[in-house]
Amino acid sequence: MSSYITCLHKIKEHAETYPYVWASYIVVYSGFGLWMAYRWRKLRKTEDRVRGLQERLRKFVEAEESSSSVTAAEKVPASSEKSVK
């Protein structure tokens, strides 16, 4: 525990001695953090949009298949009757 306090004391002295260095660290790393948050949010929005489009496409395909299966079901008995005779 005392080594931890010593380390904190050294960091505090260094920050007081070189404030511009620490200010530049804060500016650079906070800017990097803001950029990462922006990209993360943009990625999440893109994923949500893709999920919505996939859902719309899935519903469209199901509607197409159901309409084509109804049409095929109407045609199948007529052709099956011919093959049975």
N, C-alpha and C. Protein backbone atom coordinates (compact mmCIF):
# COMPACT_ATOMS: atom_id res chain seq x y z
N MET A 1 0.83 -1.20 0.00
CA MET A 1 0.00 0.00 0.00
C MET A 1 0.87 1.25 0.00
N SER A 2 1.97 1.22 0.70
CA SER A 2 2.85 2.39 0.77
C SER A 2 3.52 2.64 -0.58
N SER A 3 3.81 1.56 -1.33
CA SER A 3 4.40 1.75 -2.66
C SER A 3 3.40 2.41 -3.60
N TYR A 4 2.14 2.08 -3.42
CA TYR A 4 1.08 2.69 -4.23
C TYR A 4 0.97 4.19 -3.94
N ILE A 5 1.03 4.53 -2.67
CA ILE A 5 0.97 5.94 -2.27
C ILE A 5 2.20 6.69 -2.78
N THR A 6 3.36 6.04 -2.72
CA THR A 6 4.59 6.65 -3.22
C THR A 6 4.48 6.90 -4.73
N CYS A 7 3.95 5.93 -5.43
CA CYS A 7 3.78 6.07 -6.88
C CYS A 7 2.83 7.23 -7.20
N LEU A 8 1.73 7.33 -6.46
CA LEU A 8 0.80 8.43 -6.68
C LEU A 8 1.44 9.78 -6.38
N HIS A 9 2.27 9.82 -5.35
CA HIS A 9 2.96 11.06 -4.98
C HIS A 9 3.92 11.48 -6.10
N LYS A 10 4.65 10.51 -6.68
CA LYS A 10 5.57 10.82 -7.78
C LYS A 10 4.81 11.32 -9.01
N ILE A 11 3.67 10.71 -9.28
CA ILE A 11 2.86 11.15 -10.42
C ILE A 11 2.35 12.57 -10.20
N LYS A 12 1.93 12.86 -8.98
CA LYS A 12 1.44 14.20 -8.67
C LYS A 12 2.55 15.24 -8.82
N GLU A 13 3.75 14.92 -8.35
CA GLU A 13 4.89 15.84 -8.51
C GLU A 13 5.20 16.06 -9.98
N HIS A 14 5.19 14.99 -10.75
CA HIS A 14 5.48 15.10 -12.18
C HIS A 14 4.43 15.95 -12.88
N ALA A 15 3.16 15.78 -12.52
CA ALA A 15 2.09 16.56 -13.12
C ALA A 15 2.22 18.04 -12.76
N GLU A 16 2.65 18.31 -11.54
CA GLU A 16 2.83 19.71 -11.15
C GLU A 16 4.06 20.31 -11.81
N THR A 17 5.08 19.50 -12.07
CA THR A 17 6.31 19.99 -12.70
C THR A 17 6.11 20.22 -14.20
N TYR A 18 5.40 19.31 -14.84
CA TYR A 18 5.21 19.37 -16.30
C TYR A 18 3.72 19.42 -16.63
N PRO A 19 3.05 20.53 -16.38
CA PRO A 19 1.60 20.57 -16.62
C PRO A 19 1.22 20.50 -18.10
N TYR A 20 2.09 21.02 -18.98
CA TYR A 20 1.76 21.00 -20.40
C TYR A 20 1.81 19.59 -20.97
N VAL A 21 2.71 18.78 -20.46
CA VAL A 21 2.78 17.38 -20.90
C VAL A 21 1.49 16.66 -20.51
N TRP A 22 1.06 16.84 -19.29
CA TRP A 22 -0.15 16.18 -18.83
C TRP A 22 -1.38 16.73 -19.53
N ALA A 23 -1.39 18.02 -19.81
CA ALA A 23 -2.51 18.61 -20.54
C ALA A 23 -2.58 18.03 -21.95
N SER A 24 -1.42 17.84 -22.58
CA SER A 24 -1.42 17.27 -23.93
C SER A 24 -1.91 15.82 -23.89
N TYR A 25 -1.52 15.06 -22.84
CA TYR A 25 -2.04 13.70 -22.69
C TYR A 25 -3.56 13.71 -22.59
N ILE A 26 -4.07 14.62 -21.78
CA ILE A 26 -5.52 14.70 -21.59
C ILE A 26 -6.22 15.05 -22.90
N VAL A 27 -5.67 16.00 -23.64
CA VAL A 27 -6.29 16.42 -24.91
C VAL A 27 -6.26 15.28 -25.92
N VAL A 28 -5.11 14.63 -26.04
CA VAL A 28 -4.97 13.57 -27.04
C VAL A 28 -5.87 12.38 -26.71
N TYR A 29 -5.79 11.91 -25.48
CA TYR A 29 -6.55 10.71 -25.14
C TYR A 29 -8.06 10.98 -25.01
N SER A 30 -8.44 12.16 -24.61
CA SER A 30 -9.88 12.45 -24.60
C SER A 30 -10.40 12.59 -26.03
N GLY A 31 -9.59 13.18 -26.91
CA GLY A 31 -9.99 13.24 -28.32
C GLY A 31 -10.12 11.86 -28.92
N PHE A 32 -9.19 10.98 -28.58
CA PHE A 32 -9.26 9.61 -29.06
C PHE A 32 -10.50 8.91 -28.51
N GLY A 33 -10.82 9.16 -27.25
CA GLY A 33 -12.01 8.57 -26.65
C GLY A 33 -13.29 9.06 -27.31
N LEU A 34 -13.34 10.36 -27.61
CA LEU A 34 -14.51 10.91 -28.30
C LEU A 34 -14.66 10.32 -29.70
N TRP A 35 -13.54 10.16 -30.39
CA TRP A 35 -13.59 9.58 -31.73
C TRP A 35 -14.08 8.13 -31.67
N MET A 36 -13.59 7.37 -30.68
CA MET A 36 -14.03 5.98 -30.53
C MET A 36 -15.52 5.91 -30.20
N ALA A 37 -16.00 6.80 -29.36
CA ALA A 37 -17.43 6.82 -29.03
C ALA A 37 -18.26 7.15 -30.27
N TYR A 38 -17.79 8.08 -31.09
CA TYR A 38 -18.49 8.44 -32.32
C TYR A 38 -18.55 7.24 -33.27
N ARG A 39 -17.42 6.58 -33.46
CA ARG A 39 -17.39 5.43 -34.37
C ARG A 39 -18.25 4.28 -33.85
N TRP A 40 -18.25 4.06 -32.52
CA TRP A 40 -19.05 3.01 -31.92
C TRP A 40 -20.53 3.26 -32.16
N ARG A 41 -20.94 4.52 -31.95
CA ARG A 41 -22.34 4.87 -32.15
C ARG A 41 -22.73 4.72 -33.62
N LYS A 42 -21.86 5.15 -34.52
CA LYS A 42 -22.15 5.03 -35.95
C LYS A 42 -22.25 3.56 -36.35
N LEU A 43 -21.39 2.72 -35.78
CA LEU A 43 -21.46 1.28 -36.06
C LEU A 43 -22.77 0.69 -35.58
N ARG A 44 -23.21 1.07 -34.39
CA ARG A 44 -24.47 0.56 -33.86
C ARG A 44 -25.65 1.01 -34.72
N LYS A 45 -25.64 2.25 -35.17
CA LYS A 45 -26.72 2.73 -36.05
C LYS A 45 -26.74 1.95 -37.36
N THR A 46 -25.56 1.68 -37.91
CA THR A 46 -25.47 0.92 -39.16
C THR A 46 -25.99 -0.50 -38.96
N GLU A 47 -25.61 -1.12 -37.84
CA GLU A 47 -26.10 -2.47 -37.57
C GLU A 47 -27.61 -2.49 -37.42
N ASP A 48 -28.18 -1.50 -36.75
CA ASP A 48 -29.64 -1.43 -36.60
C ASP A 48 -30.31 -1.27 -37.96
N ARG A 49 -29.73 -0.44 -38.81
CA ARG A 49 -30.30 -0.24 -40.15
C ARG A 49 -30.23 -1.53 -40.96
N VAL A 50 -29.12 -2.25 -40.86
CA VAL A 50 -28.97 -3.51 -41.60
C VAL A 50 -29.97 -4.54 -41.08
N ARG A 51 -30.16 -4.60 -39.77
CA ARG A 51 -31.15 -5.54 -39.22
C ARG A 51 -32.55 -5.23 -39.73
N GLY A 52 -32.89 -3.95 -39.80
CA GLY A 52 -34.19 -3.56 -40.33
C GLY A 52 -34.36 -3.95 -41.78
N LEU A 53 -33.32 -3.73 -42.57
CA LEU A 53 -33.38 -4.11 -43.99
C LEU A 53 -33.47 -5.62 -44.15
N GLN A 54 -32.73 -6.37 -43.33
CA GLN A 54 -32.81 -7.83 -43.41
C GLN A 54 -34.20 -8.32 -43.06
N GLU A 55 -34.83 -7.70 -42.07
CA GLU A 55 -36.19 -8.08 -41.68
C GLU A 55 -37.17 -7.78 -42.81
N ARG A 56 -37.02 -6.61 -43.43
CA ARG A 56 -37.89 -6.28 -44.57
C ARG A 56 -37.70 -7.27 -45.71
N LEU A 57 -36.45 -7.63 -45.98
CA LEU A 57 -36.16 -8.57 -47.06
C LEU A 57 -36.72 -9.95 -46.73
N ARG A 58 -36.59 -10.38 -45.47
CA ARG A 58 -37.13 -11.68 -45.07
C ARG A 58 -38.65 -11.72 -45.26
N LYS A 59 -39.33 -10.64 -44.86
CA LYS A 59 -40.79 -10.59 -45.02
C LYS A 59 -41.16 -10.57 -46.50
N PHE A 60 -40.38 -9.85 -47.30
CA PHE A 60 -40.65 -9.79 -48.74
C PHE A 60 -40.49 -11.17 -49.36
N VAL A 61 -39.44 -11.88 -48.99
CA VAL A 61 -39.21 -13.22 -49.55
C VAL A 61 -40.31 -14.18 -49.11
N GLU A 62 -40.72 -14.09 -47.84
CA GLU A 62 -41.82 -14.94 -47.38
C GLU A 62 -43.10 -14.65 -48.14
N ALA A 63 -43.38 -13.39 -48.41
CA ALA A 63 -44.58 -13.03 -49.18
C ALA A 63 -44.48 -13.56 -50.61
N GLU A 64 -43.30 -13.45 -51.20
CA GLU A 64 -43.11 -13.97 -52.56
C GLU A 64 -43.29 -15.49 -52.58
N GLU A 65 -42.71 -16.17 -51.58
CA GLU A 65 -42.82 -17.63 -51.55
C GLU A 65 -44.26 -18.07 -51.31
N SER A 66 -44.97 -17.35 -50.44
CA SER A 66 -46.36 -17.74 -50.17
C SER A 66 -47.24 -17.50 -51.40
N SER A 67 -46.99 -16.40 -52.11
CA SER A 67 -47.79 -16.15 -53.32
C SER A 67 -47.42 -17.13 -54.42
N SER A 68 -46.16 -17.50 -54.53
CA SER A 68 -45.77 -18.46 -55.56
C SER A 68 -46.22 -19.87 -55.19
N SER A 69 -46.26 -20.18 -53.88
CA SER A 69 -46.73 -21.50 -53.47
C SER A 69 -48.23 -21.64 -53.68
N VAL A 70 -48.97 -20.56 -53.49
CA VAL A 70 -50.41 -20.59 -53.74
C VAL A 70 -50.64 -20.80 -55.24
N THR A 71 -49.90 -20.10 -56.06
CA THR A 71 -50.02 -20.27 -57.51
C THR A 71 -49.60 -21.67 -57.91
N ALA A 72 -48.52 -22.17 -57.31
CA ALA A 72 -48.06 -23.52 -57.63
C ALA A 72 -49.06 -24.56 -57.13
N ALA A 73 -49.66 -24.33 -55.99
CA ALA A 73 -50.64 -25.28 -55.46
C ALA A 73 -51.87 -25.36 -56.36
N GLU A 74 -52.25 -24.26 -56.95
CA GLU A 74 -53.39 -24.28 -57.86
C GLU A 74 -53.04 -25.02 -59.15
N LYS A 75 -51.79 -24.92 -59.57
CA LYS A 75 -51.39 -25.58 -60.81
C LYS A 75 -51.07 -27.05 -60.61
N VAL A 76 -50.58 -27.43 -59.45
CA VAL A 76 -50.15 -28.81 -59.20
C VAL A 76 -51.29 -29.81 -59.34
N PRO A 77 -52.48 -29.60 -58.78
CA PRO A 77 -53.54 -30.61 -58.93
C PRO A 77 -53.92 -30.83 -60.39
N ALA A 78 -53.91 -29.80 -61.19
CA ALA A 78 -54.26 -29.98 -62.59
C ALA A 78 -53.24 -30.85 -63.30
N SER A 79 -51.99 -30.63 -63.04
CA SER A 79 -50.96 -31.44 -63.70
C SER A 79 -50.89 -32.83 -63.09
N SER A 80 -51.17 -32.95 -61.80
CA SER A 80 -51.13 -34.27 -61.17
C SER A 80 -52.31 -35.14 -61.62
N GLU A 81 -53.45 -34.51 -61.92
CA GLU A 81 -54.59 -35.25 -62.42
C GLU A 81 -54.28 -35.84 -63.79
N LYS A 82 -53.58 -35.05 -64.59
CA LYS A 82 -53.22 -35.53 -65.94
C LYS A 82 -52.26 -36.70 -65.83
N SER A 83 -51.30 -36.64 -64.88
CA SER A 83 -50.34 -37.73 -64.76
C SER A 83 -50.97 -38.96 -64.14
N VAL A 84 -52.02 -38.79 -63.31
CA VAL A 84 -52.70 -39.93 -62.71
C VAL A 84 -53.50 -40.67 -63.75
N LYS A 85 -54.13 -39.98 -64.67
CA LYS A 85 -54.96 -40.62 -65.71
C LYS A 85 -54.06 -41.30 -66.65
